[in-house]
């Protein structure tokens, strides 16, 4: 019913950062050995994390809308099957407890379905008034915003490095052309 609770944010950041280290090493080798082929590989390799980060940052809000639709249906099903399927009840109880919410839209979802309000929705005689859908959306939006921000920020940094690398490559090519002209 529910996906794993671990966020994909940090593995994505680690992967794209690691992907950026390979071209960085190629660029340093190119500068150290004065070999333009390594500079070219560095520029090509540096373009990959830029494109990947921009794609993640752009696609994240699109997938967020899809998540909203799917989560609404999943939470409605959780209310519907709460007393019929133990797995639904266990997961929904955990959601109620962690997010201090009740039902999909509110505790009234259980009343509409003519079900008893679960104990996980209560603190003593009080019932959580907020629905889990809003709380879940706030939680996911926070992580999507963090992911998008980091992806845009790292794309900007990689782009700056890319521009600097292109400038160094052009200088290196000009230097080689001057050396060839002097030898002739």
Protein backbone atom coordinates (compact mmCIF):
# COMPACT_ATOMS: atom_id res chain seq x y z
CA UNK A 1 0.00 0.00 0.00
CA UNK A 2 2.53 2.63 1.09
CA UNK A 3 5.93 3.16 -0.47
CA UNK A 4 9.11 3.04 1.53
CA UNK A 5 9.48 5.91 3.96
CA UNK A 6 13.02 6.77 2.86
CA UNK A 7 13.25 9.91 0.76
CA UNK A 8 14.87 9.71 -2.70
CA UNK A 9 16.28 13.20 -2.19
CA UNK A 10 19.62 12.32 -0.67
CA UNK A 11 20.52 9.33 -2.91
CA UNK A 12 19.75 11.54 -5.93
CA UNK A 13 22.01 14.29 -4.61
CA UNK A 14 24.81 11.82 -3.88
CA UNK A 15 24.51 10.23 -7.33
CA UNK A 16 24.59 13.51 -9.25
CA UNK A 17 27.43 14.83 -7.10
CA UNK A 18 29.40 11.65 -7.68
CA UNK A 19 28.68 11.91 -11.38
CA UNK A 20 30.21 15.39 -11.31
CA UNK A 21 33.45 14.16 -9.71
CA UNK A 22 34.47 12.06 -12.71
CA UNK A 23 34.60 14.96 -15.19
CA UNK A 24 36.26 17.14 -12.54
CA UNK A 25 39.10 14.62 -12.29
CA UNK A 26 39.37 14.51 -16.09
CA UNK A 27 39.60 18.30 -16.17
CA UNK A 28 42.41 18.35 -13.61
CA UNK A 29 44.31 15.67 -15.54
CA UNK A 30 43.84 17.73 -18.70
CA UNK A 31 45.25 20.84 -17.00
CA UNK A 32 48.10 18.92 -15.38
CA UNK A 33 49.16 16.98 -18.49
CA UNK A 34 48.17 19.79 -20.90
CA UNK A 35 46.08 17.39 -22.97
CA UNK A 36 43.06 18.91 -24.69
CA UNK A 37 41.31 15.56 -25.10
CA UNK A 38 40.86 15.41 -21.32
CA UNK A 39 39.45 18.94 -21.39
CA UNK A 40 36.95 17.89 -24.05
CA UNK A 41 35.97 14.79 -22.06
CA UNK A 42 35.68 17.03 -18.99
CA UNK A 43 33.30 19.38 -20.81
CA UNK A 44 31.19 16.53 -22.15
CA UNK A 45 31.14 14.81 -18.76
CA UNK A 46 30.26 18.03 -16.95
CA UNK A 47 27.25 18.48 -19.22
CA UNK A 48 25.71 15.21 -17.99
CA UNK A 49 25.10 16.26 -14.36
CA UNK A 50 23.81 19.63 -15.55
CA UNK A 51 21.23 17.97 -17.78
CA UNK A 52 20.37 15.36 -15.14
CA UNK A 53 19.90 17.94 -12.38
CA UNK A 54 17.77 20.18 -14.59
CA UNK A 55 15.61 17.22 -15.62
CA UNK A 56 15.07 16.20 -11.99
CA UNK A 57 14.23 19.79 -11.03
CA UNK A 58 11.77 20.20 -13.91
CA UNK A 59 10.10 16.78 -13.67
CA UNK A 60 9.65 16.85 -9.88
CA UNK A 61 6.64 19.22 -9.89
CA UNK A 62 5.04 17.24 -12.71
CA UNK A 63 5.34 14.02 -10.72
CA UNK A 64 4.02 15.87 -7.66
CA UNK A 65 0.64 16.34 -9.37
CA UNK A 66 0.57 12.63 -10.16
CA UNK A 67 1.39 11.91 -6.51
CA UNK A 68 -1.55 14.06 -5.34
CA UNK A 69 -4.00 12.04 -7.41
CA UNK A 70 -2.59 8.69 -6.34
CA UNK A 71 -2.36 9.63 -2.66
CA UNK A 72 -6.00 10.78 -2.60
CA UNK A 73 -7.10 7.41 -3.95
CA UNK A 74 -4.78 5.49 -1.61
CA UNK A 75 -6.01 7.32 1.49
CA UNK A 76 -9.64 6.91 0.46
CA UNK A 77 -9.00 3.18 0.08
CA UNK A 78 -7.30 3.13 3.47
CA UNK A 79 -10.42 4.53 5.11
CA UNK A 80 -12.62 2.12 3.18
CA UNK A 81 -10.58 -0.98 4.08
CA UNK A 82 -9.36 0.11 7.52
CA UNK A 83 -11.36 -2.50 9.45
CA UNK A 84 -11.21 -5.13 6.69
CA UNK A 85 -7.47 -5.45 5.93
CA UNK A 86 -4.95 -5.38 8.77
CA UNK A 87 -2.11 -4.04 6.61
CA UNK A 88 -4.19 -0.99 5.71
CA UNK A 89 -5.02 -0.42 9.37
CA UNK A 90 -1.39 -0.76 10.50
CA UNK A 91 -0.04 1.63 7.88
CA UNK A 92 -2.86 4.12 8.38
CA UNK A 93 -2.37 4.00 12.16
CA UNK A 94 1.30 4.83 11.65
CA UNK A 95 0.33 7.74 9.39
CA UNK A 96 -2.17 9.02 11.98
CA UNK A 97 0.39 8.81 14.75
CA UNK A 98 3.33 10.34 12.86
CA UNK A 99 1.43 13.18 11.18
CA UNK A 100 -1.18 13.81 13.91
CA UNK A 101 -4.02 13.52 11.41
CA UNK A 102 -7.11 11.40 10.87
CA UNK A 103 -8.75 10.00 7.75
CA UNK A 104 -8.07 11.15 4.22
CA UNK A 105 -9.63 14.62 4.34
CA UNK A 106 -10.67 14.66 8.00
CA UNK A 107 -11.91 12.40 10.77
CA UNK A 108 -15.37 12.74 9.20
CA UNK A 109 -14.28 10.29 6.47
CA UNK A 110 -14.74 7.46 8.95
CA UNK A 111 -18.17 8.73 9.92
CA UNK A 112 -19.22 9.03 6.27
CA UNK A 113 -18.17 5.42 5.78
CA UNK A 114 -20.12 4.54 8.95
CA UNK A 115 -16.99 3.33 10.71
CA UNK A 116 -15.66 3.96 14.19
CA UNK A 117 -12.92 6.54 14.46
CA UNK A 118 -9.68 4.60 15.15
CA UNK A 119 -7.78 5.00 18.40
CA UNK A 120 -4.74 6.18 16.42
CA UNK A 121 -6.76 9.30 15.56
CA UNK A 122 -7.27 10.20 19.20
CA UNK A 123 -5.44 11.80 22.07
CA UNK A 124 -7.47 10.97 25.15
CA UNK A 125 -10.99 12.18 24.30
CA UNK A 126 -9.87 14.50 21.46
CA UNK A 127 -9.72 13.56 17.77
CA UNK A 128 -7.23 14.89 15.21
CA UNK A 129 -9.27 17.26 13.06
CA UNK A 130 -6.85 17.54 10.15
CA UNK A 131 -6.92 15.05 7.33
CA UNK A 132 -3.83 13.05 6.45
CA UNK A 133 -3.96 14.07 2.80
CA UNK A 134 -3.02 17.69 3.55
CA UNK A 135 -0.33 16.65 6.02
CA UNK A 136 1.15 14.15 3.58
CA UNK A 137 1.13 16.73 0.79
CA UNK A 138 2.94 19.29 2.98
CA UNK A 139 5.55 16.69 3.86
CA UNK A 140 6.15 15.67 0.24
CA UNK A 141 6.11 19.27 -1.03
CA UNK A 142 8.87 20.15 1.42
CA UNK A 143 11.15 17.39 0.12
CA UNK A 144 10.33 18.13 -3.52
CA UNK A 145 11.17 21.81 -2.92
CA UNK A 146 14.47 20.85 -1.28
CA UNK A 147 15.28 18.49 -4.16
CA UNK A 148 14.43 21.10 -6.81
CA UNK A 149 16.44 23.80 -5.05
CA UNK A 150 19.51 21.62 -4.70
CA UNK A 151 19.27 20.45 -8.32
CA UNK A 152 18.97 24.02 -9.64
CA UNK A 153 21.79 25.22 -7.38
CA UNK A 154 24.16 22.42 -8.42
CA UNK A 155 23.23 22.99 -12.08
CA UNK A 156 24.27 26.63 -11.73
CA UNK A 157 27.57 25.64 -10.12
CA UNK A 158 28.25 23.00 -12.78
CA UNK A 159 27.40 25.54 -15.50
CA UNK A 160 29.93 28.00 -14.05
CA UNK A 161 32.56 25.23 -14.07
CA UNK A 162 31.57 24.36 -17.63
CA UNK A 163 32.04 27.96 -18.80
CA UNK A 164 35.43 28.17 -17.05
CA UNK A 165 36.47 24.87 -18.67
CA UNK A 166 35.46 26.08 -22.12
CA UNK A 167 37.49 29.28 -21.58
CA UNK A 168 40.53 27.19 -20.54
CA UNK A 169 40.09 24.91 -23.56
CA UNK A 170 39.95 27.89 -25.93
CA UNK A 171 43.10 29.37 -24.37
CA UNK A 172 44.85 26.02 -24.65
CA UNK A 173 43.89 25.68 -28.32
CA UNK A 174 45.08 29.25 -29.03
CA UNK A 175 48.38 28.48 -27.27
CA UNK A 176 48.84 25.32 -29.36
CA UNK A 177 48.05 27.25 -32.56
CA UNK A 178 50.63 29.93 -31.62
CA UNK A 179 53.23 27.23 -30.91
CA UNK A 180 52.53 25.65 -34.32
CA UNK A 181 52.86 29.04 -36.07
CA UNK A 182 56.17 29.74 -34.30
CA UNK A 183 57.61 26.36 -35.33
CA UNK A 184 56.68 26.94 -38.96
